[in-house]
Structure formats: C-alpha cells, structure tokens
Amino acid sequence: FEAAGARIFKIDNRPVAVLAIPENFMFFLVFDPAPLGIEIRPEGTWQFTEFDYKYAAAIREEKGMCFMVVIKGKAKDLARLIGTP
C-alpha cells in the first residue's frame, strides 16, 4: 500500500504513528502498548473488531510494539486485506 501521509500523535503524552492510506480508506497505527495497558496474546496474532456499524480494526502486538489497521468496512474485508484467513 502507498501512504498519502503520516503523522505522529500523542495519546497520554505517548507517540502514536499514523499513516493514511487512500486505498480502502485505511489507517495504519504503530505504538508502544505498555503505557496504554494493551496486551495482545498470543503475540503475533491479529485480533479483529467492528465498530460504529461501518468500520473494522485489527490489532497485533509483536516485539513490544502494537500494530493496528483500521478500514471502512467489515472485519472479513480487513482480514482479506492483511492476508489473514
């Protein structure tokens, strides 16, 4: 995917990198999960959710960092985009 833009935001004074990807109206976020109390187990697996009746998100933790992808669509569409069965 090709990013249209990138930015660093602060959540609770912690950096969160956000990349905007026009294809599929997608956002990719990278952040340290520990200060936010996030723990994804088992490590390296994607966890999916849908929200606001029109968005889907997938999150995984790997080597002390969280990776999250958000799209306008369903969890099954997102799973297909990131190559998860």
N, C-alpha and C. Protein backbone atom coordinates (compact mmCIF):
# COMPACT_ATOMS: atom_id res chain seq x y z
N PHE A 1 0.83 -1.18 0.00
CA PHE A 1 0.00 0.00 0.00
C PHE A 1 0.88 1.24 0.00
N GLU A 2 0.36 2.31 -0.57
CA GLU A 2 1.10 3.55 -0.63
C GLU A 2 0.46 4.58 0.29
N ALA A 3 1.23 5.14 1.20
CA ALA A 3 0.71 6.10 2.17
C ALA A 3 0.56 7.48 1.53
N ALA A 4 -0.55 8.14 1.85
CA ALA A 4 -0.78 9.51 1.37
C ALA A 4 -0.20 10.51 2.36
N GLY A 5 -0.01 10.08 3.61
CA GLY A 5 0.54 10.97 4.61
C GLY A 5 0.83 10.21 5.89
N ALA A 6 1.65 10.80 6.72
CA ALA A 6 2.00 10.19 8.01
C ALA A 6 2.11 11.28 9.04
N ARG A 7 1.82 10.90 10.29
CA ARG A 7 1.86 11.87 11.36
C ARG A 7 2.10 11.17 12.69
N ILE A 8 2.69 11.88 13.62
CA ILE A 8 2.85 11.38 14.98
C ILE A 8 1.89 12.15 15.88
N PHE A 9 1.00 11.41 16.54
CA PHE A 9 0.07 11.99 17.51
C PHE A 9 0.53 11.60 18.90
N LYS A 10 0.02 12.28 19.90
CA LYS A 10 0.31 11.94 21.30
C LYS A 10 -0.99 11.50 21.97
N ILE A 11 -0.95 10.34 22.61
CA ILE A 11 -2.05 9.85 23.44
C ILE A 11 -1.45 9.64 24.82
N ASP A 12 -1.99 10.33 25.81
CA ASP A 12 -1.41 10.30 27.15
C ASP A 12 0.08 10.60 27.11
N ASN A 13 0.45 11.56 26.26
CA ASN A 13 1.83 12.00 26.08
C ASN A 13 2.75 10.91 25.53
N ARG A 14 2.18 9.91 24.87
CA ARG A 14 2.95 8.82 24.23
C ARG A 14 2.78 8.92 22.73
N PRO A 15 3.86 8.73 21.95
CA PRO A 15 3.75 8.85 20.49
C PRO A 15 3.00 7.68 19.86
N VAL A 16 2.15 8.03 18.90
CA VAL A 16 1.43 7.06 18.08
C VAL A 16 1.63 7.48 16.63
N ALA A 17 2.27 6.63 15.84
CA ALA A 17 2.48 6.92 14.42
C ALA A 17 1.24 6.49 13.65
N VAL A 18 0.76 7.37 12.76
CA VAL A 18 -0.43 7.08 11.96
C VAL A 18 -0.11 7.35 10.50
N LEU A 19 -0.38 6.35 9.66
CA LEU A 19 -0.22 6.50 8.22
C LEU A 19 -1.59 6.43 7.58
N ALA A 20 -1.90 7.36 6.70
CA ALA A 20 -3.16 7.37 5.97
C ALA A 20 -2.93 6.74 4.60
N ILE A 21 -3.77 5.77 4.28
CA ILE A 21 -3.65 5.05 3.01
C ILE A 21 -4.98 5.19 2.28
N PRO A 22 -5.01 5.95 1.17
CA PRO A 22 -6.27 6.21 0.49
C PRO A 22 -6.98 4.95 0.01
N GLU A 23 -6.22 3.96 -0.45
CA GLU A 23 -6.82 2.72 -0.91
C GLU A 23 -7.55 2.07 0.26
N ASN A 24 -8.81 1.75 0.07
CA ASN A 24 -9.65 1.12 1.09
C ASN A 24 -9.93 2.02 2.29
N PHE A 25 -9.68 3.34 2.19
CA PHE A 25 -9.90 4.26 3.30
C PHE A 25 -9.28 3.67 4.57
N MET A 26 -7.97 3.42 4.52
CA MET A 26 -7.28 2.66 5.57
C MET A 26 -6.31 3.55 6.36
N PHE A 27 -6.20 3.24 7.66
CA PHE A 27 -5.22 3.87 8.53
C PHE A 27 -4.39 2.78 9.19
N PHE A 28 -3.09 3.02 9.30
CA PHE A 28 -2.16 2.08 9.92
C PHE A 28 -1.52 2.81 11.09
N LEU A 29 -1.60 2.23 12.30
CA LEU A 29 -1.07 2.86 13.50
C LEU A 29 -0.01 1.97 14.13
N VAL A 30 1.02 2.59 14.70
CA VAL A 30 2.08 1.88 15.40
C VAL A 30 2.34 2.61 16.72
N PHE A 31 2.38 1.83 17.83
CA PHE A 31 2.59 2.45 19.13
C PHE A 31 3.06 1.43 20.15
N ASP A 32 3.59 1.94 21.24
CA ASP A 32 4.01 1.12 22.38
C ASP A 32 2.77 0.81 23.20
N PRO A 33 2.39 -0.47 23.34
CA PRO A 33 1.14 -0.80 24.03
C PRO A 33 1.21 -0.72 25.56
N ALA A 34 2.39 -0.87 26.14
CA ALA A 34 2.52 -0.96 27.60
C ALA A 34 1.94 0.24 28.35
N PRO A 35 2.28 1.48 27.99
CA PRO A 35 1.75 2.61 28.75
C PRO A 35 0.23 2.75 28.65
N LEU A 36 -0.35 2.18 27.60
CA LEU A 36 -1.79 2.27 27.40
C LEU A 36 -2.52 1.07 28.00
N GLY A 37 -1.77 0.14 28.58
CA GLY A 37 -2.39 -1.04 29.21
C GLY A 37 -2.91 -2.06 28.22
N ILE A 38 -2.37 -2.07 27.00
CA ILE A 38 -2.82 -3.00 25.97
C ILE A 38 -1.89 -4.20 25.95
N GLU A 39 -2.47 -5.38 25.92
CA GLU A 39 -1.70 -6.62 25.81
C GLU A 39 -2.46 -7.57 24.90
N ILE A 40 -1.88 -7.90 23.77
CA ILE A 40 -2.50 -8.80 22.80
C ILE A 40 -1.79 -10.14 22.88
N ARG A 41 -2.53 -11.18 23.20
CA ARG A 41 -1.97 -12.52 23.31
C ARG A 41 -2.79 -13.51 22.53
N PRO A 42 -2.21 -14.47 21.89
CA PRO A 42 -0.77 -14.66 21.80
C PRO A 42 -0.13 -13.61 20.89
N GLU A 43 1.11 -13.29 21.21
CA GLU A 43 1.85 -12.30 20.44
C GLU A 43 1.91 -12.72 18.98
N GLY A 44 1.79 -11.74 18.09
CA GLY A 44 1.91 -12.00 16.66
C GLY A 44 0.62 -12.43 15.99
N THR A 45 -0.49 -12.46 16.72
CA THR A 45 -1.78 -12.82 16.11
C THR A 45 -2.65 -11.58 16.00
N TRP A 46 -3.44 -11.51 14.96
CA TRP A 46 -4.35 -10.40 14.76
C TRP A 46 -5.64 -10.64 15.53
N GLN A 47 -6.14 -9.58 16.18
CA GLN A 47 -7.44 -9.58 16.85
C GLN A 47 -8.31 -8.57 16.10
N PHE A 48 -9.54 -8.94 15.78
CA PHE A 48 -10.42 -8.10 14.96
C PHE A 48 -11.62 -7.62 15.74
N THR A 49 -12.13 -6.44 15.34
CA THR A 49 -13.38 -5.92 15.88
C THR A 49 -14.02 -5.02 14.83
N GLU A 50 -15.31 -4.80 14.98
CA GLU A 50 -16.04 -3.85 14.15
C GLU A 50 -16.67 -2.82 15.08
N PHE A 51 -16.81 -1.57 14.60
CA PHE A 51 -17.39 -0.53 15.43
C PHE A 51 -18.10 0.51 14.59
N ASP A 52 -19.01 1.23 15.23
CA ASP A 52 -19.81 2.29 14.60
C ASP A 52 -20.53 1.81 13.34
N TYR A 53 -20.79 0.53 13.24
CA TYR A 53 -21.56 -0.07 12.14
C TYR A 53 -20.93 0.08 10.76
N LYS A 54 -19.71 0.63 10.68
CA LYS A 54 -19.13 0.78 9.34
C LYS A 54 -17.61 0.67 9.30
N TYR A 55 -16.97 0.43 10.45
CA TYR A 55 -15.51 0.34 10.48
C TYR A 55 -15.06 -0.99 11.07
N ALA A 56 -13.88 -1.41 10.67
CA ALA A 56 -13.26 -2.62 11.22
C ALA A 56 -11.82 -2.29 11.61
N ALA A 57 -11.35 -2.95 12.66
CA ALA A 57 -9.98 -2.75 13.12
C ALA A 57 -9.35 -4.10 13.43
N ALA A 58 -8.05 -4.17 13.19
CA ALA A 58 -7.27 -5.35 13.54
C ALA A 58 -6.05 -4.86 14.29
N ILE A 59 -5.68 -5.57 15.35
CA ILE A 59 -4.54 -5.16 16.16
C ILE A 59 -3.70 -6.39 16.50
N ARG A 60 -2.40 -6.20 16.56
CA ARG A 60 -1.48 -7.26 16.98
C ARG A 60 -0.30 -6.64 17.70
N GLU A 61 0.27 -7.43 18.59
CA GLU A 61 1.46 -7.00 19.32
C GLU A 61 2.60 -7.89 18.89
N GLU A 62 3.74 -7.24 18.65
CA GLU A 62 4.92 -8.00 18.23
C GLU A 62 6.17 -7.28 18.69
N LYS A 63 7.00 -7.98 19.45
CA LYS A 63 8.28 -7.44 19.95
C LYS A 63 8.11 -6.10 20.65
N GLY A 64 7.08 -6.00 21.49
CA GLY A 64 6.89 -4.81 22.29
C GLY A 64 6.23 -3.64 21.59
N MET A 65 5.73 -3.82 20.38
CA MET A 65 5.03 -2.76 19.66
C MET A 65 3.66 -3.27 19.21
N CYS A 66 2.70 -2.34 19.13
CA CYS A 66 1.37 -2.68 18.63
C CYS A 66 1.23 -2.13 17.21
N PHE A 67 0.60 -2.91 16.39
CA PHE A 67 0.30 -2.53 15.01
C PHE A 67 -1.21 -2.64 14.85
N MET A 68 -1.84 -1.57 14.37
CA MET A 68 -3.28 -1.57 14.20
C MET A 68 -3.64 -1.05 12.82
N VAL A 69 -4.62 -1.70 12.20
CA VAL A 69 -5.11 -1.30 10.89
C VAL A 69 -6.60 -1.04 11.04
N VAL A 70 -7.08 0.09 10.50
CA VAL A 70 -8.50 0.43 10.55
C VAL A 70 -8.96 0.73 9.12
N ILE A 71 -10.12 0.16 8.76
CA ILE A 71 -10.70 0.43 7.44
C ILE A 71 -12.19 0.73 7.59
N LYS A 72 -12.74 1.32 6.55
CA LYS A 72 -14.18 1.45 6.44
C LYS A 72 -14.64 0.15 5.78
N GLY A 73 -15.31 -0.69 6.54
CA GLY A 73 -15.74 -1.98 6.01
C GLY A 73 -15.93 -2.98 7.14
N LYS A 74 -15.92 -4.24 6.79
CA LYS A 74 -16.16 -5.34 7.73
C LYS A 74 -14.85 -6.02 8.10
N ALA A 75 -14.87 -6.74 9.23
CA ALA A 75 -13.68 -7.47 9.69
C ALA A 75 -13.22 -8.48 8.65
N LYS A 76 -14.16 -9.14 7.97
CA LYS A 76 -13.77 -10.13 6.95
C LYS A 76 -13.02 -9.46 5.78
N ASP A 77 -13.40 -8.23 5.45
CA ASP A 77 -12.70 -7.49 4.40
C ASP A 77 -11.29 -7.12 4.84
N LEU A 78 -11.17 -6.72 6.09
CA LEU A 78 -9.87 -6.37 6.63
C LEU A 78 -8.95 -7.59 6.71
N ALA A 79 -9.49 -8.71 7.14
CA ALA A 79 -8.71 -9.96 7.21
C ALA A 79 -8.15 -10.31 5.84
N ARG A 80 -8.96 -10.13 4.82
CA ARG A 80 -8.51 -10.42 3.45
C ARG A 80 -7.39 -9.46 3.03
N LEU A 81 -7.52 -8.17 3.41
CA LEU A 81 -6.52 -7.17 3.05
C LEU A 81 -5.15 -7.45 3.68
N ILE A 82 -5.16 -7.90 4.93
CA ILE A 82 -3.87 -8.11 5.61
C ILE A 82 -3.40 -9.56 5.50
N GLY A 83 -4.12 -10.34 4.70
CA GLY A 83 -3.66 -11.70 4.41
C GLY A 83 -3.87 -12.69 5.53
N THR A 84 -4.97 -12.54 6.28
CA THR A 84 -5.30 -13.47 7.35
C THR A 84 -6.49 -14.32 6.92
N PRO A 85 -6.42 -15.63 7.15
CA PRO A 85 -7.56 -16.48 6.73
C PRO A 85 -8.82 -16.20 7.51
